Amino acid sequence: MEAIDVIARKPPNTTEESERLMLQALLADRFRLVVHRDSYDLTAYDLVLAKNGPKVKLADRDVPGSALQISPMKGPARRVNGTVSMEQLAAALQIPLESPVTDATGLKGTFDILLQRSAEDAIATELPGATFPPLERALELQLGLKFGNPQNQDRHSGGRQRPEDSRRELTIISLFRRSNTMSR
């Protein structure tokens, strides 16, 4: 892959929007690159404190660069453990949820975490080894945390995040090279 430096001058008082449009025109004209923008809604979660407060233990000392371990247990159960910040825990929870998770707990420092859960489909089908609660319930029971939005909690759903509150827009910008056969 080849790197290219683009050096250009812009007129004084150029707005950010105008600068973006000029860069797109430059890329299209000089390098035959076309910008394609695509936006869609994406379910996202906030990690917040549960009703009865956190059950996590502050680590005895900060352990820089300590890793959160996600390991399979017997059957469909999973264990998440380590000494991590809430931000690192939120990042690790993105894997099983397949959605962005943001730390909104307000907890600072590093914590000793032990979270044992079973997959919801394993519990529903009563697979052997599915002895722990599903992720959302395990978070609340074991760590005193839950998924929700601190400003938009629905009292009728036990503080669970409502679907309309968990939607965030994701914008994807792709560059495509125009082929030589395309007409201008």
N, C-alpha and C. Protein backbone atom coordinates (compact mmCIF):
# COMPACT_ATOMS: atom_id res chain seq x y z
N MET A 1 0.85 -1.18 0.00
CA MET A 1 0.00 0.00 0.00
C MET A 1 0.89 1.24 0.00
N GLU A 2 0.52 2.19 -0.76
CA GLU A 2 1.31 3.39 -0.96
C GLU A 2 0.69 4.55 -0.20
N ALA A 3 1.52 5.31 0.52
CA ALA A 3 1.05 6.50 1.24
C ALA A 3 1.29 7.73 0.39
N ILE A 4 0.36 8.65 0.42
CA ILE A 4 0.47 9.87 -0.36
C ILE A 4 0.21 11.05 0.57
N ASP A 5 1.08 12.04 0.56
CA ASP A 5 0.86 13.28 1.30
C ASP A 5 0.20 14.28 0.36
N VAL A 6 -0.89 14.87 0.83
CA VAL A 6 -1.58 15.89 0.04
C VAL A 6 -1.32 17.23 0.71
N ILE A 7 -0.67 18.14 -0.03
CA ILE A 7 -0.39 19.48 0.49
C ILE A 7 -1.21 20.45 -0.35
N ALA A 8 -2.05 21.20 0.33
CA ALA A 8 -2.93 22.13 -0.37
C ALA A 8 -3.12 23.38 0.47
N ARG A 9 -3.48 24.46 -0.18
CA ARG A 9 -3.79 25.71 0.51
C ARG A 9 -5.28 25.96 0.39
N LYS A 10 -5.82 26.49 1.48
CA LYS A 10 -7.24 26.84 1.44
C LYS A 10 -7.37 28.34 1.64
N PRO A 11 -8.42 28.91 1.08
CA PRO A 11 -8.64 30.35 1.26
C PRO A 11 -8.89 30.67 2.73
N PRO A 12 -8.53 31.87 3.16
CA PRO A 12 -8.80 32.25 4.54
C PRO A 12 -10.31 32.22 4.82
N ASN A 13 -10.67 32.00 6.05
CA ASN A 13 -12.08 31.95 6.50
C ASN A 13 -12.87 30.82 5.85
N THR A 14 -12.21 29.75 5.47
CA THR A 14 -12.91 28.60 4.90
C THR A 14 -13.59 27.83 6.03
N THR A 15 -14.86 27.52 5.84
CA THR A 15 -15.59 26.76 6.86
C THR A 15 -15.17 25.29 6.80
N GLU A 16 -15.46 24.58 7.86
CA GLU A 16 -15.13 23.15 7.91
C GLU A 16 -15.86 22.38 6.81
N GLU A 17 -17.12 22.74 6.59
CA GLU A 17 -17.92 22.08 5.56
C GLU A 17 -17.33 22.34 4.17
N SER A 18 -16.94 23.58 3.91
CA SER A 18 -16.33 23.92 2.61
C SER A 18 -15.01 23.19 2.42
N GLU A 19 -14.22 23.11 3.49
CA GLU A 19 -12.94 22.41 3.43
C GLU A 19 -13.15 20.93 3.10
N ARG A 20 -14.15 20.32 3.71
CA ARG A 20 -14.45 18.91 3.45
C ARG A 20 -14.85 18.72 1.98
N LEU A 21 -15.68 19.61 1.47
CA LEU A 21 -16.12 19.52 0.06
C LEU A 21 -14.94 19.73 -0.90
N MET A 22 -14.04 20.67 -0.57
CA MET A 22 -12.87 20.90 -1.42
C MET A 22 -11.96 19.68 -1.43
N LEU A 23 -11.79 19.03 -0.26
CA LEU A 23 -10.95 17.83 -0.19
C LEU A 23 -11.57 16.70 -1.01
N GLN A 24 -12.89 16.55 -0.93
CA GLN A 24 -13.56 15.51 -1.73
C GLN A 24 -13.36 15.77 -3.22
N ALA A 25 -13.48 17.02 -3.64
CA ALA A 25 -13.29 17.37 -5.05
C ALA A 25 -11.85 17.08 -5.48
N LEU A 26 -10.89 17.41 -4.63
CA LEU A 26 -9.48 17.16 -4.93
C LEU A 26 -9.23 15.66 -5.08
N LEU A 27 -9.74 14.85 -4.15
CA LEU A 27 -9.54 13.40 -4.22
C LEU A 27 -10.18 12.82 -5.48
N ALA A 28 -11.36 13.32 -5.84
CA ALA A 28 -12.04 12.83 -7.04
C ALA A 28 -11.28 13.23 -8.31
N ASP A 29 -10.82 14.47 -8.35
CA ASP A 29 -10.15 14.99 -9.55
C ASP A 29 -8.76 14.38 -9.73
N ARG A 30 -7.94 14.38 -8.71
CA ARG A 30 -6.55 13.94 -8.83
C ARG A 30 -6.35 12.44 -8.72
N PHE A 31 -7.15 11.78 -7.86
CA PHE A 31 -6.91 10.36 -7.60
C PHE A 31 -8.08 9.46 -8.00
N ARG A 32 -9.10 10.04 -8.62
CA ARG A 32 -10.31 9.31 -9.04
C ARG A 32 -10.96 8.56 -7.87
N LEU A 33 -10.94 9.18 -6.68
CA LEU A 33 -11.57 8.59 -5.50
C LEU A 33 -12.91 9.25 -5.26
N VAL A 34 -13.90 8.46 -4.98
CA VAL A 34 -15.25 8.96 -4.74
C VAL A 34 -15.63 8.63 -3.30
N VAL A 35 -16.19 9.60 -2.61
CA VAL A 35 -16.63 9.42 -1.22
C VAL A 35 -18.06 8.93 -1.21
N HIS A 36 -18.30 7.88 -0.44
CA HIS A 36 -19.66 7.36 -0.26
C HIS A 36 -19.98 7.42 1.22
N ARG A 37 -21.04 8.14 1.58
CA ARG A 37 -21.46 8.24 2.98
C ARG A 37 -22.69 7.38 3.18
N ASP A 38 -22.68 6.68 4.31
CA ASP A 38 -23.80 5.82 4.64
C ASP A 38 -24.06 5.95 6.14
N SER A 39 -25.27 6.23 6.53
CA SER A 39 -25.62 6.34 7.95
C SER A 39 -26.72 5.36 8.28
N TYR A 40 -26.63 4.80 9.47
CA TYR A 40 -27.72 3.95 9.94
C TYR A 40 -27.71 3.92 11.45
N ASP A 41 -28.85 3.55 12.02
CA ASP A 41 -28.99 3.47 13.47
C ASP A 41 -28.35 2.19 13.97
N LEU A 42 -27.77 2.26 15.13
CA LEU A 42 -27.08 1.15 15.73
C LEU A 42 -27.48 1.09 17.19
N THR A 43 -27.81 -0.10 17.69
CA THR A 43 -28.12 -0.24 19.10
C THR A 43 -26.84 -0.12 19.89
N ALA A 44 -26.86 0.71 20.92
CA ALA A 44 -25.69 0.92 21.76
C ALA A 44 -26.14 0.91 23.22
N TYR A 45 -25.22 0.60 24.11
CA TYR A 45 -25.55 0.47 25.52
C TYR A 45 -24.65 1.34 26.37
N ASP A 46 -25.19 1.80 27.50
CA ASP A 46 -24.41 2.48 28.52
C ASP A 46 -24.30 1.54 29.71
N LEU A 47 -23.12 1.40 30.26
CA LEU A 47 -22.92 0.62 31.47
C LEU A 47 -23.11 1.58 32.64
N VAL A 48 -24.13 1.32 33.49
CA VAL A 48 -24.47 2.21 34.59
C VAL A 48 -24.55 1.42 35.89
N LEU A 49 -24.67 2.12 37.00
CA LEU A 49 -24.81 1.49 38.30
C LEU A 49 -26.23 0.94 38.45
N ALA A 50 -26.35 -0.24 39.04
CA ALA A 50 -27.66 -0.83 39.30
C ALA A 50 -28.29 -0.12 40.50
N LYS A 51 -29.54 -0.42 40.74
CA LYS A 51 -30.33 0.24 41.77
C LYS A 51 -29.64 0.21 43.15
N ASN A 52 -29.07 -0.92 43.54
CA ASN A 52 -28.46 -1.07 44.86
C ASN A 52 -26.99 -0.71 44.90
N GLY A 53 -26.47 -0.14 43.84
CA GLY A 53 -25.07 0.31 43.83
C GLY A 53 -24.09 -0.77 43.42
N PRO A 54 -22.83 -0.36 43.23
CA PRO A 54 -21.82 -1.30 42.73
C PRO A 54 -21.44 -2.34 43.78
N LYS A 55 -21.11 -3.54 43.29
CA LYS A 55 -20.63 -4.63 44.15
C LYS A 55 -19.20 -4.99 43.79
N VAL A 56 -18.56 -4.16 42.98
CA VAL A 56 -17.18 -4.41 42.57
C VAL A 56 -16.24 -3.93 43.66
N LYS A 57 -15.11 -4.61 43.79
CA LYS A 57 -14.12 -4.27 44.81
C LYS A 57 -12.99 -3.48 44.15
N LEU A 58 -12.67 -2.33 44.74
CA LEU A 58 -11.56 -1.53 44.25
C LEU A 58 -10.28 -2.34 44.41
N ALA A 59 -9.49 -2.41 43.35
CA ALA A 59 -8.24 -3.18 43.40
C ALA A 59 -7.29 -2.56 44.42
N ASP A 60 -6.48 -3.40 45.04
CA ASP A 60 -5.52 -2.92 46.04
C ASP A 60 -4.56 -1.90 45.45
N ARG A 61 -4.23 -2.06 44.18
CA ARG A 61 -3.32 -1.14 43.52
C ARG A 61 -3.67 -1.10 42.04
N ASP A 62 -3.31 0.00 41.39
CA ASP A 62 -3.50 0.10 39.95
C ASP A 62 -2.51 -0.83 39.27
N VAL A 63 -3.01 -1.62 38.36
CA VAL A 63 -2.15 -2.52 37.60
C VAL A 63 -2.17 -2.03 36.16
N PRO A 64 -1.16 -1.25 35.76
CA PRO A 64 -1.17 -0.72 34.40
C PRO A 64 -1.11 -1.83 33.37
N GLY A 65 -1.99 -1.74 32.39
CA GLY A 65 -1.96 -2.69 31.29
C GLY A 65 -2.43 -4.09 31.64
N SER A 66 -3.11 -4.27 32.77
CA SER A 66 -3.60 -5.61 33.10
C SER A 66 -4.72 -5.98 32.14
N ALA A 67 -4.79 -7.22 31.80
CA ALA A 67 -5.75 -7.66 30.80
C ALA A 67 -6.97 -8.30 31.45
N LEU A 68 -8.09 -8.08 30.83
CA LEU A 68 -9.32 -8.73 31.24
C LEU A 68 -9.35 -10.08 30.53
N GLN A 69 -9.56 -11.13 31.27
CA GLN A 69 -9.58 -12.47 30.67
C GLN A 69 -11.02 -12.92 30.48
N ILE A 70 -11.32 -13.35 29.28
CA ILE A 70 -12.63 -13.92 28.98
C ILE A 70 -12.37 -15.38 28.65
N SER A 71 -12.82 -16.27 29.51
CA SER A 71 -12.49 -17.67 29.30
C SER A 71 -13.73 -18.54 29.38
N PRO A 72 -13.77 -19.56 28.52
CA PRO A 72 -14.89 -20.49 28.57
C PRO A 72 -14.78 -21.37 29.82
N MET A 73 -15.92 -21.74 30.34
CA MET A 73 -15.97 -22.68 31.45
C MET A 73 -16.61 -23.95 30.91
N LYS A 74 -16.92 -24.87 31.76
CA LYS A 74 -17.55 -26.10 31.32
C LYS A 74 -18.89 -25.79 30.65
N GLY A 75 -19.10 -26.31 29.46
CA GLY A 75 -20.35 -26.08 28.74
C GLY A 75 -20.44 -24.66 28.20
N PRO A 76 -21.64 -24.08 28.21
CA PRO A 76 -21.84 -22.77 27.61
C PRO A 76 -21.54 -21.60 28.55
N ALA A 77 -21.02 -21.86 29.73
CA ALA A 77 -20.74 -20.77 30.68
C ALA A 77 -19.47 -20.03 30.30
N ARG A 78 -19.41 -18.76 30.66
CA ARG A 78 -18.25 -17.91 30.38
C ARG A 78 -17.87 -17.17 31.65
N ARG A 79 -16.56 -16.97 31.83
CA ARG A 79 -16.06 -16.22 32.99
C ARG A 79 -15.28 -15.02 32.45
N VAL A 80 -15.54 -13.86 33.04
CA VAL A 80 -14.80 -12.64 32.73
C VAL A 80 -14.15 -12.22 34.03
N ASN A 81 -12.82 -12.16 34.07
CA ASN A 81 -12.17 -11.74 35.31
C ASN A 81 -10.88 -11.00 35.03
N GLY A 82 -10.48 -10.18 36.00
CA GLY A 82 -9.26 -9.42 35.89
C GLY A 82 -9.32 -8.16 36.73
N THR A 83 -8.27 -7.38 36.69
CA THR A 83 -8.20 -6.08 37.37
C THR A 83 -8.24 -5.02 36.29
N VAL A 84 -9.37 -4.35 36.18
CA VAL A 84 -9.58 -3.43 35.06
C VAL A 84 -10.39 -2.21 35.50
N SER A 85 -10.37 -1.20 34.63
CA SER A 85 -11.21 -0.02 34.83
C SER A 85 -12.60 -0.33 34.27
N MET A 86 -13.56 0.50 34.62
CA MET A 86 -14.92 0.32 34.09
C MET A 86 -14.93 0.54 32.58
N GLU A 87 -14.07 1.42 32.09
CA GLU A 87 -13.96 1.65 30.65
C GLU A 87 -13.51 0.37 29.93
N GLN A 88 -12.53 -0.33 30.52
CA GLN A 88 -12.05 -1.59 29.92
C GLN A 88 -13.13 -2.67 29.99
N LEU A 89 -13.89 -2.71 31.07
CA LEU A 89 -14.98 -3.68 31.18
C LEU A 89 -16.03 -3.41 30.12
N ALA A 90 -16.40 -2.13 29.95
CA ALA A 90 -17.39 -1.76 28.93
C ALA A 90 -16.91 -2.19 27.54
N ALA A 91 -15.63 -1.99 27.26
CA ALA A 91 -15.08 -2.40 25.96
C ALA A 91 -15.17 -3.92 25.78
N ALA A 92 -14.89 -4.68 26.85
CA ALA A 92 -14.96 -6.14 26.76
C ALA A 92 -16.39 -6.63 26.57
N LEU A 93 -17.37 -5.91 27.10
CA LEU A 93 -18.77 -6.32 26.98
C LEU A 93 -19.32 -6.11 25.57
N GLN A 94 -18.59 -5.36 24.75
CA GLN A 94 -19.01 -5.17 23.36
C GLN A 94 -18.97 -6.47 22.58
N ILE A 95 -18.10 -7.40 22.98
CA ILE A 95 -17.93 -8.65 22.25
C ILE A 95 -19.19 -9.51 22.31
N PRO A 96 -19.69 -9.87 23.51
CA PRO A 96 -20.89 -10.71 23.52
C PRO A 96 -22.14 -9.99 23.03
N LEU A 97 -22.20 -8.67 23.20
CA LEU A 97 -23.38 -7.91 22.78
C LEU A 97 -23.36 -7.57 21.29
N GLU A 98 -22.17 -7.58 20.70
CA GLU A 98 -21.99 -7.18 19.31
C GLU A 98 -22.54 -5.78 19.06
N SER A 99 -22.37 -4.91 20.06
CA SER A 99 -22.81 -3.51 20.00
C SER A 99 -21.88 -2.67 20.86
N PRO A 100 -21.80 -1.37 20.56
CA PRO A 100 -20.97 -0.50 21.39
C PRO A 100 -21.50 -0.41 22.82
N VAL A 101 -20.57 -0.37 23.79
CA VAL A 101 -20.92 -0.18 25.20
C VAL A 101 -20.04 0.94 25.73
N THR A 102 -20.65 1.92 26.38
CA THR A 102 -19.94 3.07 26.93
C THR A 102 -20.02 3.03 28.45
N ASP A 103 -18.90 3.32 29.10
CA ASP A 103 -18.89 3.38 30.57
C ASP A 103 -19.57 4.67 31.02
N ALA A 104 -20.67 4.54 31.74
CA ALA A 104 -21.38 5.69 32.31
C ALA A 104 -21.57 5.49 33.81
N THR A 105 -20.69 4.68 34.42
CA THR A 105 -20.83 4.37 35.85
C THR A 105 -20.33 5.51 36.73
N GLY A 106 -19.36 6.26 36.24
CA GLY A 106 -18.74 7.30 37.05
C GLY A 106 -17.71 6.76 38.02
N LEU A 107 -17.46 5.45 37.98
CA LEU A 107 -16.48 4.83 38.88
C LEU A 107 -15.08 5.01 38.32
N LYS A 108 -14.17 5.50 39.16
CA LYS A 108 -12.78 5.73 38.74
C LYS A 108 -11.87 4.70 39.41
N GLY A 109 -10.77 4.40 38.77
CA GLY A 109 -9.81 3.46 39.31
C GLY A 109 -9.94 2.10 38.65
N THR A 110 -9.24 1.12 39.22
CA THR A 110 -9.32 -0.24 38.70
C THR A 110 -9.98 -1.13 39.74
N PHE A 111 -10.66 -2.15 39.26
CA PHE A 111 -11.47 -3.02 40.10
C PHE A 111 -11.15 -4.47 39.81
N ASP A 112 -11.27 -5.30 40.84
CA ASP A 112 -11.17 -6.75 40.66
C ASP A 112 -12.53 -7.24 40.19
N ILE A 113 -12.58 -7.79 39.00
CA ILE A 113 -13.83 -8.20 38.37
C ILE A 113 -13.89 -9.72 38.28
N LEU A 114 -15.03 -10.29 38.63
CA LEU A 114 -15.32 -11.70 38.36
C LEU A 114 -16.78 -11.77 37.97
N LEU A 115 -17.02 -12.07 36.71
CA LEU A 115 -18.38 -12.15 36.17
C LEU A 115 -18.54 -13.52 35.52
N GLN A 116 -19.50 -14.30 36.01
CA GLN A 116 -19.76 -15.63 35.46
C GLN A 116 -21.17 -15.63 34.89
N ARG A 117 -21.26 -16.01 33.62
CA ARG A 117 -22.56 -15.95 32.93
C ARG A 117 -22.71 -17.13 31.99
N SER A 118 -23.95 -17.36 31.58
CA SER A 118 -24.25 -18.35 30.56
C SER A 118 -24.98 -17.65 29.42
N ALA A 119 -24.84 -18.17 28.23
CA ALA A 119 -25.54 -17.59 27.08
C ALA A 119 -27.04 -17.79 27.23
N GLU A 120 -27.83 -16.78 26.82
CA GLU A 120 -29.28 -16.85 26.99
C GLU A 120 -29.89 -18.02 26.23
N ASP A 121 -29.39 -18.30 25.03
CA ASP A 121 -29.95 -19.42 24.27
C ASP A 121 -29.64 -20.76 24.93
N ALA A 122 -28.50 -20.86 25.62
CA ALA A 122 -28.16 -22.10 26.33
C ALA A 122 -29.08 -22.30 27.52
N ILE A 123 -29.41 -21.21 28.20
CA ILE A 123 -30.33 -21.29 29.34
C ILE A 123 -31.72 -21.68 28.86
N ALA A 124 -32.16 -21.06 27.76
CA ALA A 124 -33.50 -21.32 27.23
C ALA A 124 -33.67 -22.77 26.80
N THR A 125 -32.60 -23.35 26.25
CA THR A 125 -32.69 -24.74 25.79
C THR A 125 -32.23 -25.73 26.86
N GLU A 126 -31.95 -25.21 28.06
CA GLU A 126 -31.55 -26.02 29.21
C GLU A 126 -30.35 -26.92 28.92
N LEU A 127 -29.34 -26.35 28.26
CA LEU A 127 -28.12 -27.08 27.98
C LEU A 127 -27.39 -27.38 29.29
N PRO A 128 -26.78 -28.55 29.41
CA PRO A 128 -25.99 -28.85 30.60
C PRO A 128 -24.85 -27.85 30.74
N GLY A 129 -24.60 -27.38 31.92
CA GLY A 129 -23.53 -26.42 32.16
C GLY A 129 -23.98 -24.98 32.13
N ALA A 130 -25.21 -24.71 31.73
CA ALA A 130 -25.73 -23.34 31.73
C ALA A 130 -26.24 -23.02 33.13
N THR A 131 -25.32 -22.95 34.07
CA THR A 131 -25.69 -22.81 35.48
C THR A 131 -25.66 -21.38 35.99
N PHE A 132 -25.16 -20.44 35.18
CA PHE A 132 -25.08 -19.06 35.60
C PHE A 132 -26.16 -18.24 34.90
N PRO A 133 -26.50 -17.07 35.44
CA PRO A 133 -27.52 -16.24 34.80
C PRO A 133 -27.02 -15.65 33.48
N PRO A 134 -27.94 -15.14 32.64
CA PRO A 134 -27.51 -14.48 31.41
C PRO A 134 -26.75 -13.18 31.75
N LEU A 135 -26.09 -12.63 30.76
CA LEU A 135 -25.19 -11.49 30.95
C LEU A 135 -25.84 -10.34 31.72
N GLU A 136 -26.99 -9.89 31.29
CA GLU A 136 -27.62 -8.72 31.91
C GLU A 136 -27.92 -8.96 33.39
N ARG A 137 -28.43 -10.13 33.71
CA ARG A 137 -28.75 -10.47 35.11
C ARG A 137 -27.47 -10.70 35.92
N ALA A 138 -26.47 -11.35 35.32
CA ALA A 138 -25.19 -11.59 36.01
C ALA A 138 -24.50 -10.27 36.35
N LEU A 139 -24.55 -9.30 35.45
CA LEU A 139 -23.96 -7.98 35.71
C LEU A 139 -24.55 -7.37 36.97
N GLU A 140 -25.88 -7.44 37.08
CA GLU A 140 -26.55 -6.83 38.22
C GLU A 140 -26.30 -7.61 39.51
N LEU A 141 -26.43 -8.92 39.45
CA LEU A 141 -26.26 -9.74 40.66
C LEU A 141 -24.82 -9.77 41.16
N GLN A 142 -23.87 -9.90 40.26
CA GLN A 142 -22.48 -10.12 40.66
C GLN A 142 -21.66 -8.83 40.78
N LEU A 143 -21.97 -7.83 39.94
CA LEU A 143 -21.16 -6.61 39.94
C LEU A 143 -21.92 -5.35 40.35
N GLY A 144 -23.23 -5.42 40.44
CA GLY A 144 -24.01 -4.23 40.79
C GLY A 144 -24.06 -3.22 39.66
N LEU A 145 -24.00 -3.72 38.42
CA LEU A 145 -24.03 -2.87 37.24
C LEU A 145 -25.16 -3.32 36.33
N LYS A 146 -25.53 -2.49 35.37
CA LYS A 146 -26.56 -2.87 34.41
C LYS A 146 -26.38 -2.04 33.15
N PHE A 147 -27.12 -2.40 32.13
CA PHE A 147 -27.14 -1.62 30.89
C PHE A 147 -28.30 -0.65 30.99
N GLY A 148 -28.06 0.60 30.69
CA GLY A 148 -29.13 1.59 30.76
C GLY A 148 -28.60 2.94 30.38
N ASN A 149 -29.48 3.91 30.45
CA ASN A 149 -29.15 5.28 30.15
C ASN A 149 -29.50 6.10 31.37
N PRO A 150 -28.52 6.71 32.04
CA PRO A 150 -28.81 7.39 33.30
C PRO A 150 -29.85 8.51 33.17
N GLN A 151 -29.95 9.14 32.02
CA GLN A 151 -30.94 10.21 31.86
C GLN A 151 -32.30 9.70 31.41
N ASN A 152 -32.35 8.56 30.72
CA ASN A 152 -33.60 8.12 30.10
C ASN A 152 -34.04 6.75 30.57
N GLN A 153 -34.00 6.48 31.87
CA GLN A 153 -34.41 5.18 32.35
C GLN A 153 -35.93 5.12 32.45
N ASP A 154 -36.47 4.01 32.02
CA ASP A 154 -37.90 3.78 32.06
C ASP A 154 -38.24 3.09 33.38
N ARG A 155 -38.98 3.77 34.25
CA ARG A 155 -39.31 3.21 35.57
C ARG A 155 -40.13 1.93 35.46
N HIS A 156 -40.92 1.80 34.38
CA HIS A 156 -41.77 0.62 34.23
C HIS A 156 -41.00 -0.62 33.78
N SER A 157 -39.79 -0.44 33.30
CA SER A 157 -39.01 -1.60 32.84
C SER A 157 -37.87 -1.92 33.80
N GLY A 158 -37.97 -1.41 35.03
CA GLY A 158 -36.93 -1.70 36.01
C GLY A 158 -35.61 -1.02 35.70
N GLY A 159 -35.66 0.12 34.99
CA GLY A 159 -34.44 0.85 34.68
C GLY A 159 -33.76 0.35 33.42
N ARG A 160 -34.33 -0.64 32.76
CA ARG A 160 -33.73 -1.17 31.54
C ARG A 160 -33.82 -0.13 30.43
N GLN A 161 -32.86 -0.12 29.59
CA GLN A 161 -32.80 0.86 28.53
C GLN A 161 -33.91 0.60 27.51
N ARG A 162 -34.65 1.65 27.19
CA ARG A 162 -35.70 1.53 26.17
C ARG A 162 -35.05 1.53 24.79
N PRO A 163 -35.63 0.78 23.82
CA PRO A 163 -35.00 0.71 22.49
C PRO A 163 -34.79 2.08 21.85
N GLU A 164 -35.75 2.99 22.00
CA GLU A 164 -35.58 4.30 21.35
C GLU A 164 -34.46 5.11 21.98
N ASP A 165 -34.09 4.81 23.25
CA ASP A 165 -33.01 5.53 23.90
C ASP A 165 -31.65 4.93 23.56
N SER A 166 -31.63 3.71 23.07
CA SER A 166 -30.35 3.03 22.84
C SER A 166 -29.91 3.10 21.39
N ARG A 167 -30.58 3.92 20.57
CA ARG A 167 -30.21 4.03 19.17
C ARG A 167 -29.20 5.15 19.01
N ARG A 168 -28.13 4.89 18.30
CA ARG A 168 -27.14 5.91 17.98
C ARG A 168 -26.87 5.83 16.50
N GLU A 169 -26.58 6.97 15.89
CA GLU A 169 -26.31 6.97 14.46
C GLU A 169 -24.84 6.70 14.21
N LEU A 170 -24.57 5.83 13.26
CA LEU A 170 -23.21 5.51 12.86
C LEU A 170 -23.05 5.97 11.42
N THR A 171 -22.02 6.73 11.15
CA THR A 171 -21.74 7.19 9.79
C THR A 171 -20.48 6.50 9.29
N ILE A 172 -20.59 5.89 8.13
CA ILE A 172 -19.45 5.22 7.52
C ILE A 172 -19.07 6.00 6.27
N ILE A 173 -17.80 6.32 6.16
CA ILE A 173 -17.31 7.01 4.98
C ILE A 173 -16.36 6.06 4.26
N SER A 174 -16.67 5.75 3.02
CA SER A 174 -15.85 4.84 2.22
C SER A 174 -15.30 5.59 1.02
N LEU A 175 -14.08 5.28 0.64
CA LEU A 175 -13.49 5.83 -0.57
C LEU A 175 -13.39 4.73 -1.61
N PHE A 176 -13.86 5.02 -2.81
CA PHE A 176 -13.80 4.07 -3.91
C PHE A 176 -13.04 4.70 -5.06
N ARG A 177 -12.21 3.92 -5.73
CA ARG A 177 -11.50 4.41 -6.90
C ARG A 177 -12.38 4.19 -8.12
N ARG A 178 -12.59 5.27 -8.85
CA ARG A 178 -13.36 5.16 -10.08
C ARG A 178 -12.53 4.44 -11.12
N SER A 179 -13.16 3.57 -11.87
CA SER A 179 -12.42 2.85 -12.91
C SER A 179 -12.20 3.79 -14.10
N ASN A 180 -11.24 3.43 -14.94
CA ASN A 180 -10.94 4.25 -16.13
C ASN A 180 -12.06 4.24 -17.14
N THR A 181 -12.94 3.26 -17.09
CA THR A 181 -14.00 3.16 -18.08
C THR A 181 -15.22 4.03 -17.74
N MET A 182 -15.23 4.58 -16.53
CA MET A 182 -16.37 5.42 -16.16
C MET A 182 -16.25 6.78 -16.85
N SER A 183 -17.37 7.29 -17.26
CA SER A 183 -17.34 8.60 -17.90
C SER A 183 -17.49 9.67 -16.84
N ARG A 184 -16.95 10.82 -17.11
CA ARG A 184 -17.02 11.94 -16.16
C ARG A 184 -18.27 12.68 -16.37
